[in-house]
PDB file of N, CA and C in Angstrom:
ATOM      1  N   MET A   1       0.848  -1.216   0.229  1.00  0.00           N
ATOM      2  CA  MET A   1      -0.131   0.281   0.044  1.00  0.00           C
ATOM      3  C   MET A   1       1.081   1.197  -0.075  1.00  0.00           C
ATOM      4  N   ILE A   2       1.830   1.133   0.663  1.00  0.00           N
ATOM      5  CA  ILE A   2       2.883   2.525   0.936  1.00  0.00           C
ATOM      6  C   ILE A   2       3.510   2.692  -0.746  1.00  0.00           C
ATOM      7  N   GLY A   3       3.575   1.525  -1.333  1.00  0.00           N
ATOM      8  CA  GLY A   3       4.290   1.895  -2.913  1.00  0.00           C
ATOM      9  C   GLY A   3       3.374   2.222  -3.635  1.00  0.00           C
ATOM     10  N   ALA A   4       2.174   1.883  -3.364  1.00  0.00           N
ATOM     11  CA  ALA A   4       0.904   2.673  -4.505  1.00  0.00           C
ATOM     12  C   ALA A   4       0.704   4.173  -3.886  1.00  0.00           C
ATOM     13  N   ALA A   5       0.799   4.415  -2.469  1.00  0.00           N
ATOM     14  CA  ALA A   5       0.905   5.860  -2.275  1.00  0.00           C
ATOM     15  C   ALA A   5       2.082   6.942  -2.659  1.00  0.00           C
ATOM     16  N   ALA A   6       2.977   6.274  -2.817  1.00  0.00           N
ATOM     17  CA  ALA A   6       4.165   6.855  -3.143  1.00  0.00           C
ATOM     18  C   ALA A   6       3.764   6.736  -4.495  1.00  0.00           C
ATOM     19  N   GLU A   7       3.516   6.120  -5.633  1.00  0.00           N
ATOM     20  CA  GLU A   7       3.352   6.238  -6.951  1.00  0.00           C
ATOM     21  C   GLU A   7       2.373   7.382  -7.283  1.00  0.00           C
ATOM     22  N   SER A   8       1.273   7.056  -6.289  1.00  0.00           N
ATOM     23  CA  SER A   8       0.407   8.359  -6.464  1.00  0.00           C
ATOM     24  C   SER A   8       1.058   9.708  -6.416  1.00  0.00           C
ATOM     25  N   VAL A   9       1.772   9.872  -5.237  1.00  0.00           N
ATOM     26  CA  VAL A   9       2.255  11.428  -5.175  1.00  0.00           C
ATOM     27  C   VAL A   9       3.239  11.321  -6.007  1.00  0.00           C
ATOM     28  N   ILE A  10       4.197  10.335  -6.244  1.00  0.00           N
ATOM     29  CA  ILE A  10       5.173  10.895  -7.728  1.00  0.00           C
ATOM     30  C   ILE A  10       4.342  11.209  -9.201  1.00  0.00           C
ATOM     31  N   LEU A  11       2.884  10.407  -9.321  1.00  0.00           N
ATOM     32  CA  LEU A  11       2.139  10.599 -10.342  1.00  0.00           C
ATOM     33  C   LEU A  11       1.754  12.159 -10.322  1.00  0.00           C
ATOM     34  N   ASP A  12       1.007  12.469  -8.801  1.00  0.00           N
ATOM     35  CA  ASP A  12       0.883  14.059  -8.752  1.00  0.00           C
ATOM     36  C   ASP A  12       1.592  14.978  -9.172  1.00  0.00           C
ATOM     37  N   LEU A  13       2.917  14.550  -8.662  1.00  0.00           N
ATOM     38  CA  LEU A  13       4.137  15.915  -9.189  1.00  0.00           C
ATOM     39  C   LEU A  13       4.294  15.763 -10.409  1.00  0.00           C
ATOM     40  N   ARG A  14       4.308  14.581 -11.312  1.00  0.00           N
ATOM     41  CA  ARG A  14       4.472  14.623 -12.706  1.00  0.00           C
ATOM     42  C   ARG A  14       3.515  15.172 -13.249  1.00  0.00           C
ATOM     43  N   ASN A  15       2.109  14.977 -12.907  1.00  0.00           N
ATOM     44  CA  ASN A  15       0.813  15.981 -13.607  1.00  0.00           C
ATOM     45  C   ASN A  15       1.302  17.408 -13.411  1.00  0.00           C
ATOM     46  N   LYS A  16       1.682  17.964 -12.098  1.00  0.00           N
ATOM     47  CA  LYS A  16       1.768  19.479 -12.073  1.00  0.00           C
ATOM     48  C   LYS A  16       2.578  19.966 -13.069  1.00  0.00           C
ATOM     49  N   THR A  17       3.654  19.064 -12.936  1.00  0.00           N
ATOM     50  CA  THR A  17       5.168  19.477 -13.660  1.00  0.00           C
ATOM     51  C   THR A  17       4.815  19.411 -15.166  1.00  0.00           C
ATOM     52  N   VAL A  18       4.149  18.704 -15.873  1.00  0.00           N
ATOM     53  CA  VAL A  18       3.658  18.440 -17.166  1.00  0.00           C
ATOM     54  C   VAL A  18       2.390  19.507 -17.651  1.00  0.00           C
ATOM     55  N   HIS A  19       1.749  19.897 -16.663  1.00  0.00           N
ATOM     56  CA  HIS A  19       0.496  21.058 -16.977  1.00  0.00           C
ATOM     57  C   HIS A  19       1.516  22.260 -16.804  1.00  0.00           C
ATOM     58  N   LYS A  20       2.241  22.409 -15.428  1.00  0.00           N
ATOM     59  CA  LYS A  20       3.237  23.793 -15.532  1.00  0.00           C
ATOM     60  C   LYS A  20       3.768  23.833 -17.042  1.00  0.00           C
ATOM     61  N   VAL A  21       4.824  22.775 -17.285  1.00  0.00           N
ATOM     62  CA  VAL A  21       5.719  22.860 -18.631  1.00  0.00           C
ATOM     63  C   VAL A  21       5.013  22.964 -19.918  1.00  0.00           C
ATOM     64  N   ALA A  22       3.761  22.801 -20.145  1.00  0.00           N
ATOM     65  CA  ALA A  22       2.961  22.953 -21.243  1.00  0.00           C
ATOM     66  C   ALA A  22       2.366  24.158 -21.275  1.00  0.00           C
ATOM     67  N   SER A  23       2.011  24.945 -19.841  1.00  0.00           N
ATOM     68  CA  SER A  23       1.273  26.349 -19.895  1.00  0.00           C
ATOM     69  C   SER A  23       2.310  27.211 -20.199  1.00  0.00           C
ATOM     70  N   LEU A  24       3.579  27.024 -20.159  1.00  0.00           N
ATOM     71  CA  LEU A  24       4.984  27.706 -20.355  1.00  0.00           C
ATOM     72  C   LEU A  24       5.350  27.311 -21.788  1.00  0.00           C
ATOM     73  N   LYS A  25       4.532  26.501 -22.579  1.00  0.00           N
ATOM     74  CA  LYS A  25       4.737  26.614 -23.731  1.00  0.00           C
ATOM     75  C   LYS A  25       6.019  25.873 -24.517  1.00  0.00           C
ATOM     76  N   ARG A  26       6.360  25.213 -23.182  1.00  0.00           N
ATOM     77  CA  ARG A  26       7.783  24.557 -23.498  1.00  0.00           C
ATOM     78  C   ARG A  26       7.564  22.754 -23.684  1.00  0.00           C
ATOM     79  N   SER A  27       8.179  22.027 -24.216  1.00  0.00           N
ATOM     80  CA  SER A  27       8.281  20.749 -24.717  1.00  0.00           C
ATOM     81  C   SER A  27       8.344  20.210 -23.099  1.00  0.00           C
ATOM     82  N   ILE A  28       7.895  18.670 -23.150  1.00  0.00           N
ATOM     83  CA  ILE A  28       7.629  18.162 -22.131  1.00  0.00           C
ATOM     84  C   ILE A  28       8.727  17.036 -22.109  1.00  0.00           C
ATOM     85  N   PRO A  29       9.406  17.164 -21.367  1.00  0.00           N
ATOM     86  CA  PRO A  29      10.622  16.502 -21.135  1.00  0.00           C
ATOM     87  C   PRO A  29      10.469  14.619 -21.120  1.00  0.00           C
ATOM     88  N   LYS A  30      11.280  14.103 -21.750  1.00  0.00           N
ATOM     89  CA  LYS A  30      11.335  12.749 -22.498  1.00  0.00           C
ATOM     90  C   LYS A  30      10.900  12.007 -21.305  1.00  0.00           C
ATOM     91  N   GLY A  31      10.137  11.117 -21.199  1.00  0.00           N
ATOM     92  CA  GLY A  31       9.651   9.862 -20.350  1.00  0.00           C
ATOM     93  C   GLY A  31       8.785  10.652 -19.327  1.00  0.00           C
ATOM     94  N   MET A  32       8.464  12.059 -18.769  1.00  0.00           N
ATOM     95  CA  MET A  32       7.487  12.600 -18.016  1.00  0.00           C
ATOM     96  C   MET A  32       6.010  12.116 -18.299  1.00  0.00           C
ATOM     97  N   GLU A  33       5.614  11.482 -19.551  1.00  0.00           N
ATOM     98  CA  GLU A  33       4.338  11.723 -19.921  1.00  0.00           C
ATOM     99  C   GLU A  33       4.439   9.516 -19.900  1.00  0.00           C
ATOM    100  N   ASP A  34       5.134   8.984 -19.864  1.00  0.00           N
ATOM    101  CA  ASP A  34       5.408   7.215 -19.786  1.00  0.00           C
ATOM    102  C   ASP A  34       4.595   7.100 -18.831  1.00  0.00           C
ATOM    103  N   TRP A  35       3.890   5.575 -18.776  1.00  0.00           N
ATOM    104  CA  TRP A  35       3.212   4.712 -17.870  1.00  0.00           C
ATOM    105  C   TRP A  35       3.926   4.232 -16.777  1.00  0.00           C
ATOM    106  N   LYS A  36       5.468   3.893 -17.159  1.00  0.00           N
ATOM    107  CA  LYS A  36       5.837   2.906 -16.319  1.00  0.00           C
ATOM    108  C   LYS A  36       6.671   4.272 -15.122  1.00  0.00           C
ATOM    109  N   ILE A  37       6.245   4.038 -13.874  1.00  0.00           N
ATOM    110  CA  ILE A  37       6.627   4.777 -12.595  1.00  0.00           C
ATOM    111  C   ILE A  37       7.957   5.117 -12.684  1.00  0.00           C
ATOM    112  N   LYS A  38       8.980   3.988 -12.891  1.00  0.00           N
ATOM    113  CA  LYS A  38      10.678   4.244 -12.817  1.00  0.00           C
ATOM    114  C   LYS A  38      10.805   5.232 -13.847  1.00  0.00           C
ATOM    115  N   THR A  39      10.399   5.206 -14.758  1.00  0.00           N
ATOM    116  CA  THR A  39      10.419   6.001 -16.365  1.00  0.00           C
ATOM    117  C   THR A  39      10.151   7.258 -15.732  1.00  0.00           C
ATOM    118  N   VAL A  40       8.736   7.300 -14.977  1.00  0.00           N
ATOM    119  CA  VAL A  40       8.694   9.023 -14.661  1.00  0.00           C
ATOM    120  C   VAL A  40       9.522   9.434 -13.636  1.00  0.00           C
ATOM    121  N   SER A  41       9.674   8.744 -12.594  1.00  0.00           N
ATOM    122  CA  SER A  41      10.540   8.838 -11.907  1.00  0.00           C
ATOM    123  C   SER A  41      11.969   9.455 -11.753  1.00  0.00           C
ATOM    124  N   ASP A  42      12.249   8.889 -13.178  1.00  0.00           N
ATOM    125  CA  ASP A  42      13.971   9.563 -13.655  1.00  0.00           C
ATOM    126  C   ASP A  42      13.630  10.578 -14.072  1.00  0.00           C
ATOM    127  N   ALA A  43      12.428  10.470 -15.242  1.00  0.00           N
ATOM    128  CA  ALA A  43      12.095  11.900 -15.619  1.00  0.00           C
ATOM    129  C   ALA A  43      12.148  13.199 -14.697  1.00  0.00           C
ATOM    130  N   LEU A  44      11.400  13.018 -13.886  1.00  0.00           N
ATOM    131  CA  LEU A  44      11.367  13.730 -12.751  1.00  0.00           C
ATOM    132  C   LEU A  44      12.813  14.325 -12.144  1.00  0.00           C
ATOM    133  N   ARG A  45      13.451  13.437 -11.837  1.00  0.00           N
ATOM    134  CA  ARG A  45      14.658  13.137 -11.223  1.00  0.00           C
ATOM    135  C   ARG A  45      15.369  14.376 -11.848  1.00  0.00           C
ATOM    136  N   ALA A  46      15.555  13.864 -13.027  1.00  0.00           N
ATOM    137  CA  ALA A  46      16.534  14.771 -13.825  1.00  0.00           C
ATOM    138  C   ALA A  46      15.992  16.409 -14.470  1.00  0.00           C
ATOM    139  N   PHE A  47      14.626  16.184 -14.480  1.00  0.00           N
ATOM    140  CA  PHE A  47      14.282  17.292 -14.358  1.00  0.00           C
ATOM    141  C   PHE A  47      14.414  18.318 -13.174  1.00  0.00           C
ATOM    142  N   PHE A  48      14.188  18.133 -12.402  1.00  0.00           N
ATOM    143  CA  PHE A  48      14.349  18.915 -10.829  1.00  0.00           C
ATOM    144  C   PHE A  48      15.898  18.773 -10.479  1.00  0.00           C
ATOM    145  N   GLU A  49      16.679  18.066 -10.985  1.00  0.00           N
ATOM    146  CA  GLU A  49      18.100  18.078 -10.663  1.00  0.00           C
ATOM    147  C   GLU A  49      18.875  19.110 -11.460  1.00  0.00           C
ATOM    148  N   ALA A  50      18.329  19.491 -12.729  1.00  0.00           N
ATOM    149  CA  ALA A  50      18.712  20.296 -13.486  1.00  0.00           C
ATOM    150  C   ALA A  50      17.778  21.915 -12.866  1.00  0.00           C
ATOM    151  N   LYS A  51      16.864  21.749 -12.298  1.00  0.00           N
ATOM    152  CA  LYS A  51      16.494  23.001 -11.589  1.00  0.00           C
ATOM    153  C   LYS A  51      16.989  23.049 -10.040  1.00  0.00           C
ATOM    154  N   ALA A  52      17.506  22.495  -9.723  1.00  0.00           N
ATOM    155  CA  ALA A  52      17.654  22.272  -8.245  1.00  0.00           C
ATOM    156  C   ALA A  52      18.837  23.568  -7.996  1.00  0.00           C
ATOM    157  N   PRO A  53      19.980  23.832  -8.650  1.00  0.00           N
ATOM    158  CA  PRO A  53      20.542  25.191  -8.262  1.00  0.00           C
ATOM    159  C   PRO A  53      19.902  26.429  -8.143  1.00  0.00           C
ATOM    160  N   GLY A  54      18.710  26.375  -8.471  1.00  0.00           N
ATOM    161  CA  GLY A  54      17.548  27.624  -8.418  1.00  0.00           C
ATOM    162  C   GLY A  54      16.607  27.594  -7.160  1.00  0.00           C
ATOM    163  N   PHE A  55      16.648  26.297  -6.574  1.00  0.00           N
ATOM    164  CA  PHE A  55      15.539  26.105  -5.430  1.00  0.00           C
ATOM    165  C   PHE A  55      15.797  26.982  -4.476  1.00  0.00           C
ATOM    166  N   PRO A  56      15.301  27.403  -3.498  1.00  0.00           N
ATOM    167  CA  PRO A  56      15.387  27.748  -2.354  1.00  0.00           C
ATOM    168  C   PRO A  56      16.295  26.598  -1.723  1.00  0.00           C
ATOM    169  N   ARG A  57      17.419  26.785  -0.741  1.00  0.00           N
ATOM    170  CA  ARG A  57      18.197  26.410   0.140  1.00  0.00           C
ATOM    171  C   ARG A  57      17.122  24.901   0.973  1.00  0.00           C
ATOM    172  N   GLN A  58      16.140  25.672   1.663  1.00  0.00           N
ATOM    173  CA  GLN A  58      15.195  24.436   2.216  1.00  0.00           C
ATOM    174  C   GLN A  58      14.360  23.627   1.497  1.00  0.00           C
ATOM    175  N   LEU A  59      14.462  23.929  -0.025  1.00  0.00           N
ATOM    176  CA  LEU A  59      13.939  22.770  -0.587  1.00  0.00           C
ATOM    177  C   LEU A  59      15.326  22.165  -1.522  1.00  0.00           C
ATOM    178  N   ARG A  60      16.166  22.677  -1.546  1.00  0.00           N
ATOM    179  CA  ARG A  60      17.526  21.773  -2.560  1.00  0.00           C
ATOM    180  C   ARG A  60      18.162  21.055  -1.901  1.00  0.00           C
ATOM    181  N   GLU A  61      18.605  21.366  -0.658  1.00  0.00           N
ATOM    182  CA  GLU A  61      19.192  20.466   0.297  1.00  0.00           C
ATOM    183  C   GLU A  61      18.592  19.157   0.418  1.00  0.00           C
ATOM    184  N   PRO A  62      16.934  18.893   0.937  1.00  0.00           N
ATOM    185  CA  PRO A  62      16.430  17.792   0.923  1.00  0.00           C
ATOM    186  C   PRO A  62      16.226  17.224  -0.145  1.00  0.00           C
ATOM    187  N   PHE A  63      15.923  17.737  -1.624  1.00  0.00           N
ATOM    188  CA  PHE A  63      16.157  17.177  -2.790  1.00  0.00           C
ATOM    189  C   PHE A  63      17.176  16.166  -3.088  1.00  0.00           C
ATOM    190  N   GLU A  64      18.379  17.282  -2.718  1.00  0.00           N
ATOM    191  CA  GLU A  64      19.766  16.404  -3.128  1.00  0.00           C
ATOM    192  C   GLU A  64      19.749  14.962  -2.480  1.00  0.00           C
ATOM    193  N   ALA A  65      19.493  15.282  -1.264  1.00  0.00           N
ATOM    194  CA  ALA A  65      19.933  14.390  -0.286  1.00  0.00           C
ATOM    195  C   ALA A  65      19.195  13.192  -0.055  1.00  0.00           C
ATOM    196  N   TYR A  66      17.852  13.368  -0.786  1.00  0.00           N
ATOM    197  CA  TYR A  66      16.627  12.407  -0.493  1.00  0.00           C
ATOM    198  C   TYR A  66      15.674  11.888  -1.653  1.00  0.00           C
ATOM    199  N   TRP A  67      15.826  12.577  -2.280  1.00  0.00           N
ATOM    200  CA  TRP A  67      14.452  12.154  -3.646  1.00  0.00           C
ATOM    201  C   TRP A  67      14.938  10.844  -4.054  1.00  0.00           C
ATOM    202  N   ALA A  68      16.210  10.491  -4.840  1.00  0.00           N
ATOM    203  CA  ALA A  68      16.708   9.343  -5.125  1.00  0.00           C
ATOM    204  C   ALA A  68      16.456   8.667  -4.312  1.00  0.00           C
ATOM    205  N   ALA A  69      17.100   8.295  -3.309  1.00  0.00           N
ATOM    206  CA  ALA A  69      16.959   7.356  -2.229  1.00  0.00           C
ATOM    207  C   ALA A  69      15.180   6.784  -1.702  1.00  0.00           C
ATOM    208  N   PHE A  70      14.543   8.012  -1.172  1.00  0.00           N
ATOM    209  CA  PHE A  70      13.076   7.815  -1.190  1.00  0.00           C
ATOM    210  C   PHE A  70      12.592   7.076  -2.186  1.00  0.00           C
ATOM    211  N   ALA A  71      12.474   7.691  -3.538  1.00  0.00           N
ATOM    212  CA  ALA A  71      11.633   6.882  -4.628  1.00  0.00           C
ATOM    213  C   ALA A  71      12.231   5.481  -4.848  1.00  0.00           C
ATOM    214  N   GLU A  72      13.488   5.449  -5.143  1.00  0.00           N
ATOM    215  CA  GLU A  72      13.715   3.880  -5.104  1.00  0.00           C
ATOM    216  C   GLU A  72      13.776   3.058  -3.853  1.00  0.00           C
ATOM    217  N   ARG A  73      13.964   3.305  -2.728  1.00  0.00           N
ATOM    218  CA  ARG A  73      13.641   2.719  -1.710  1.00  0.00           C
ATOM    219  C   ARG A  73      12.408   1.790  -1.810  1.00  0.00           C
ATOM    220  N   ILE A  74      11.386   2.856  -1.648  1.00  0.00           N
ATOM    221  CA  ILE A  74       9.556   2.152  -1.889  1.00  0.00           C
ATOM    222  C   ILE A  74       9.357   1.897  -3.119  1.00  0.00           C
ATOM    223  N   ARG A  75      10.152   1.855  -4.050  1.00  0.00           N
ATOM    224  CA  ARG A  75       9.885   1.202  -5.231  1.00  0.00           C
ATOM    225  C   ARG A  75      10.340  -0.270  -5.178  1.00  0.00           C
ATOM    226  N   ALA A  76      11.502  -0.253  -4.817  1.00  0.00           N
ATOM    227  CA  ALA A  76      12.253  -1.406  -4.609  1.00  0.00           C
ATOM    228  C   ALA A  76      11.403  -2.670  -3.649  1.00  0.00           C
ATOM    229  N   THR A  77      10.814  -1.956  -2.215  1.00  0.00           N
ATOM    230  CA  THR A  77       9.935  -3.209  -1.686  1.00  0.00           C
ATOM    231  C   THR A  77       8.816  -3.427  -2.122  1.00  0.00           C
ATOM    232  N   ARG A  78       8.006  -2.043  -3.032  1.00  0.00           N
ATOM    233  CA  ARG A  78       6.741  -2.628  -3.724  1.00  0.00           C
ATOM    234  C   ARG A  78       7.089  -3.828  -4.763  1.00  0.00           C
ATOM    235  N   ASN A  79       8.124  -3.473  -5.596  1.00  0.00           N
ATOM    236  CA  ASN A  79       8.741  -4.638  -6.377  1.00  0.00           C
ATOM    237  C   ASN A  79       8.670  -5.808  -5.660  1.00  0.00           C
ATOM    238  N   ASP A  80       9.373  -5.956  -4.533  1.00  0.00           N
ATOM    239  CA  ASP A  80       9.706  -7.414  -3.894  1.00  0.00           C
ATOM    240  C   ASP A  80       8.420  -7.771  -3.498  1.00  0.00           C
ATOM    241  N   ALA A  81       7.368  -6.924  -2.908  1.00  0.00           N
ATOM    242  CA  ALA A  81       6.396  -7.360  -2.239  1.00  0.00           C
ATOM    243  C   ALA A  81       5.444  -8.081  -3.825  1.00  0.00           C
ATOM    244  N   GLY A  82       5.410  -7.408  -4.574  1.00  0.00           N
ATOM    245  CA  GLY A  82       4.524  -7.656  -6.318  1.00  0.00           C
ATOM    246  C   GLY A  82       5.267  -8.997  -7.200  1.00  0.00           C
ATOM    247  N   HIS A  83       6.503  -8.964  -6.715  1.00  0.00           N
ATOM    248  CA  HIS A  83       6.920  -9.831  -7.393  1.00  0.00           C
ATOM    249  C   HIS A  83       8.167 -10.658  -6.667  1.00  0.00           C
ATOM    250  N   PRO A  84       7.917 -11.324  -6.125  1.00  0.00           N
ATOM    251  CA  PRO A  84       8.938 -11.817  -5.026  1.00  0.00           C
ATOM    252  C   PRO A  84       9.481 -12.978  -5.332  1.00  0.00           C
ATOM    253  N   ALA A  85      11.150 -13.195  -4.992  1.00  0.00           N
ATOM    254  CA  ALA A  85      11.869 -14.060  -5.413  1.00  0.00           C
ATOM    255  C   ALA A  85      12.096 -15.189  -4.430  1.00  0.00           C
ATOM    256  N   SER A  86      11.260 -14.854  -3.148  1.00  0.00           N
ATOM    257  CA  SER A  86      11.010 -15.899  -2.233  1.00  0.00           C
ATOM    258  C   SER A  86       9.884 -15.644  -1.545  1.00  0.00           C
ATOM    259  N   VAL A  87       9.685 -16.285  -0.544  1.00  0.00           N
ATOM    260  CA  VAL A  87       8.452 -16.197   0.277  1.00  0.00           C
ATOM    261  C   VAL A  87       8.935 -15.287   1.355  1.00  0.00           C
ATOM    262  N   GLU A  88      10.193 -14.841   1.647  1.00  0.00           N
ATOM    263  CA  GLU A  88      10.314 -14.175   2.598  1.00  0.00           C
ATOM    264  C   GLU A  88      11.293 -12.634   1.890  1.00  0.00           C
ATOM    265  N   SER A  89      10.602 -12.234   1.004  1.00  0.00           N
ATOM    266  CA  SER A  89      11.339 -11.533   0.160  1.00  0.00           C
ATOM    267  C   SER A  89      11.014  -9.610   0.946  1.00  0.00           C
ATOM    268  N   VAL A  90       9.865  -9.721   1.693  1.00  0.00           N
ATOM    269  CA  VAL A  90       9.790  -8.350   2.188  1.00  0.00           C
ATOM    270  C   VAL A  90       9.335  -8.617   3.896  1.00  0.00           C
ATOM    271  N   THR A  91      10.483  -7.974   4.315  1.00  0.00           N
ATOM    272  CA  THR A  91      10.657  -8.376   5.999  1.00  0.00           C
ATOM    273  C   THR A  91       9.539  -7.451   6.425  1.00  0.00           C
ATOM    274  N   PRO A  92       9.020  -7.534   7.949  1.00  0.00           N
ATOM    275  CA  PRO A  92       9.136  -6.346   8.588  1.00  0.00           C
ATOM    276  C   PRO A  92       9.777  -5.143   8.577  1.00  0.00           C
ATOM    277  N   ASP A  93      11.113  -5.154   8.872  1.00  0.00           N
ATOM    278  CA  ASP A  93      11.521  -4.029   8.641  1.00  0.00           C
ATOM    279  C   ASP A  93      11.854  -3.252   7.364  1.00  0.00           C
ATOM    280  N   THR A  94      11.750  -4.064   6.372  1.00  0.00           N
ATOM    281  CA  THR A  94      11.714  -3.196   5.069  1.00  0.00           C
ATOM    282  C   THR A  94      10.172  -2.419   5.203  1.00  0.00           C
ATOM    283  N   VAL A  95       9.392  -2.921   5.677  1.00  0.00           N
ATOM    284  CA  VAL A  95       7.970  -2.582   5.427  1.00  0.00           C
ATOM    285  C   VAL A  95       8.047  -1.290   6.633  1.00  0.00           C
ATOM    286  N   CYS A  96       8.395  -1.673   7.618  1.00  0.00           N
ATOM    287  CA  CYS A  96       8.840  -0.165   8.671  1.00  0.00           C
ATOM    288  C   CYS A  96       9.602   0.899   7.833  1.00  0.00           C
ATOM    289  N   ALA A  97      10.611   0.432   7.309  1.00  0.00           N
ATOM    290  CA  ALA A  97      11.516   1.539   6.568  1.00  0.00           C
ATOM    291  C   ALA A  97      10.297   2.055   5.557  1.00  0.00           C
ATOM    292  N   SER A  98       9.556   1.608   4.832  1.00  0.00           N
ATOM    293  CA  SER A  98       8.745   2.313   3.899  1.00  0.00           C
ATOM    294  C   SER A  98       7.840   3.624   4.830  1.00  0.00           C
ATOM    295  N   LEU A  99       7.266   2.909   5.570  1.00  0.00           N
ATOM    296  CA  LEU A  99       6.574   3.323   6.343  1.00  0.00           C
ATOM    297  C   LEU A  99       7.260   4.475   7.040  1.00  0.00           C
ATOM    298  N   LEU A 100       8.282   4.986   7.475  1.00  0.00           N
ATOM    299  CA  LEU A 100       8.909   5.696   8.401  1.00  0.00           C
ATOM    300  C   LEU A 100       9.412   6.951   7.036  1.00  0.00           C
ATOM    301  N   ILE A 101       9.919   6.501   5.520  1.00  0.00           N
ATOM    302  CA  ILE A 101      10.442   7.375   4.768  1.00  0.00           C
ATOM    303  C   ILE A 101       9.210   8.127   4.149  1.00  0.00           C
ATOM    304  N   PHE A 102       8.101   7.175   3.871  1.00  0.00           N
ATOM    305  CA  PHE A 102       6.678   7.900   3.123  1.00  0.00           C
ATOM    306  C   PHE A 102       6.586   9.212   3.438  1.00  0.00           C
ATOM    307  N   PRO A 103       6.184   9.578   4.462  1.00  0.00           N
ATOM    308  CA  PRO A 103       5.706  11.005   4.856  1.00  0.00           C
ATOM    309  C   PRO A 103       7.024  12.206   4.525  1.00  0.00           C
ATOM    310  N   GLU A 104       8.172  11.824   4.272  1.00  0.00           N
ATOM    311  CA  GLU A 104       9.074  12.519   4.253  1.00  0.00           C
ATOM    312  C   GLU A 104       9.287  12.855   2.414  1.00  0.00           C
ATOM    313  N   LEU A 105       8.650  11.547   1.673  1.00  0.00           N
ATOM    314  CA  LEU A 105       9.094  11.599   0.272  1.00  0.00           C
ATOM    315  C   LEU A 105       7.694  12.458   0.516  1.00  0.00           C
ATOM    316  N   ALA A 106       6.716  12.475   0.748  1.00  0.00           N
ATOM    317  CA  ALA A 106       4.977  13.181   0.605  1.00  0.00           C
ATOM    318  C   ALA A 106       5.601  14.544   0.716  1.00  0.00           C
ATOM    319  N   LYS A 107       6.654  14.988   1.364  1.00  0.00           N
ATOM    320  CA  LYS A 107       6.753  16.238   1.989  1.00  0.00           C
ATOM    321  C   LYS A 107       7.601  16.963   1.071  1.00  0.00           C
ATOM    322  N   LEU A 108       8.570  16.109   0.362  1.00  0.00           N
ATOM    323  CA  LEU A 108       9.356  16.654  -0.107  1.00  0.00           C
ATOM    324  C   LEU A 108       8.472  16.718  -1.637  1.00  0.00           C
ATOM    325  N   ALA A 109       8.080  15.992  -2.223  1.00  0.00           N
ATOM    326  CA  ALA A 109       7.252  16.133  -3.135  1.00  0.00           C
ATOM    327  C   ALA A 109       6.189  17.542  -3.293  1.00  0.00           C
ATOM    328  N   ASN A 110       5.833  17.520  -2.177  1.00  0.00           N
ATOM    329  CA  ASN A 110       4.688  18.489  -1.776  1.00  0.00           C
ATOM    330  C   ASN A 110       5.471  19.941  -2.268  1.00  0.00           C
ATOM    331  N   GLY A 111       6.820  19.827  -1.457  1.00  0.00           N
ATOM    332  CA  GLY A 111       7.462  21.073  -1.722  1.00  0.00           C
ATOM    333  C   GLY A 111       8.129  21.071  -3.112  1.00  0.00           C
ATOM    334  N   LEU A 112       8.124  20.138  -3.886  1.00  0.00           N
ATOM    335  CA  LEU A 112       8.381  20.675  -5.060  1.00  0.00           C
ATOM    336  C   LEU A 112       7.446  20.917  -6.201  1.00  0.00           C
ATOM    337  N   ALA A 113       6.041  20.375  -5.754  1.00  0.00           N
ATOM    338  CA  ALA A 113       4.976  20.902  -6.556  1.00  0.00           C
ATOM    339  C   ALA A 113       4.470  22.529  -5.989  1.00  0.00           C
ATOM    340  N   ARG A 114       4.688  22.494  -4.975  1.00  0.00           N
ATOM    341  CA  ARG A 114       4.867  24.258  -5.070  1.00  0.00           C
ATOM    342  C   ARG A 114       5.602  25.012  -5.235  1.00  0.00           C
ATOM    343  N   TRP A 115       6.665  24.666  -5.746  1.00  0.00           N
ATOM    344  CA  TRP A 115       8.031  25.321  -6.233  1.00  0.00           C
ATOM    345  C   TRP A 115       7.351  25.213  -7.627  1.00  0.00           C
ATOM    346  N   VAL A 116       6.795  24.233  -7.964  1.00  0.00           N
ATOM    347  CA  VAL A 116       6.824  24.160  -9.586  1.00  0.00           C
ATOM    348  C   VAL A 116       5.650  24.839 -10.178  1.00  0.00           C
ATOM    349  N   THR A 117       4.843  24.815  -9.406  1.00  0.00           N
ATOM    350  CA  THR A 117       3.597  25.878  -9.743  1.00  0.00           C
ATOM    351  C   THR A 117       3.489  27.421  -9.490  1.00  0.00           C
ATOM    352  N   GLU A 118       4.313  27.391  -8.318  1.00  0.00           N
ATOM    353  CA  GLU A 118       4.521  29.139  -7.801  1.00  0.00           C
ATOM    354  C   GLU A 118       5.943  30.038  -8.423  1.00  0.00           C
ATOM    355  N   ASP A 119       6.624  28.873  -8.760  1.00  0.00           N
ATOM    356  CA  ASP A 119       8.061  29.792  -8.503  1.00  0.00           C
ATOM    357  C   ASP A 119       8.670  29.224 -10.503  1.00  0.00           C
ATOM    358  N   PHE A 120       8.492  27.921 -10.797  1.00  0.00           N
ATOM    359  CA  PHE A 120       8.531  27.998 -12.197  1.00  0.00           C
ATOM    360  C   PHE A 120       8.655  28.499 -13.083  1.00  0.00           C
ATOM    361  N   ALA A 121       9.318  29.172 -13.828  1.00  0.00           N
ATOM    362  CA  ALA A 121       8.990  29.790 -14.913  1.00  0.00           C
ATOM    363  C   ALA A 121       9.927  29.971 -16.082  1.00  0.00           C
TER     364      ALA A 121
END
């Protein structure tokens, strides 16, 4: 469930980003409109990495430190649960870790969404 919630957060951020880029009459970055969450997440990462030098410090630092780790850790746990290699692929510790980092991913994604809708030009 955390994996689905994380995907929803990422897709919401993608939708806001695509809407803003289109409203500025710019081309949508490659991969941003893909249906695969990994492709979308990678496209968002590349987009925001290019913009990060212009972020306020309180957004830039958490983005640079955590975005890739948050998105990848939750995606990996979700994949282990959905496509297990063994019966014991998802442990209580990995579930607990996902539960602990999800609020931080959501907080960071909300900050990025606010930046893209209010400050990106």
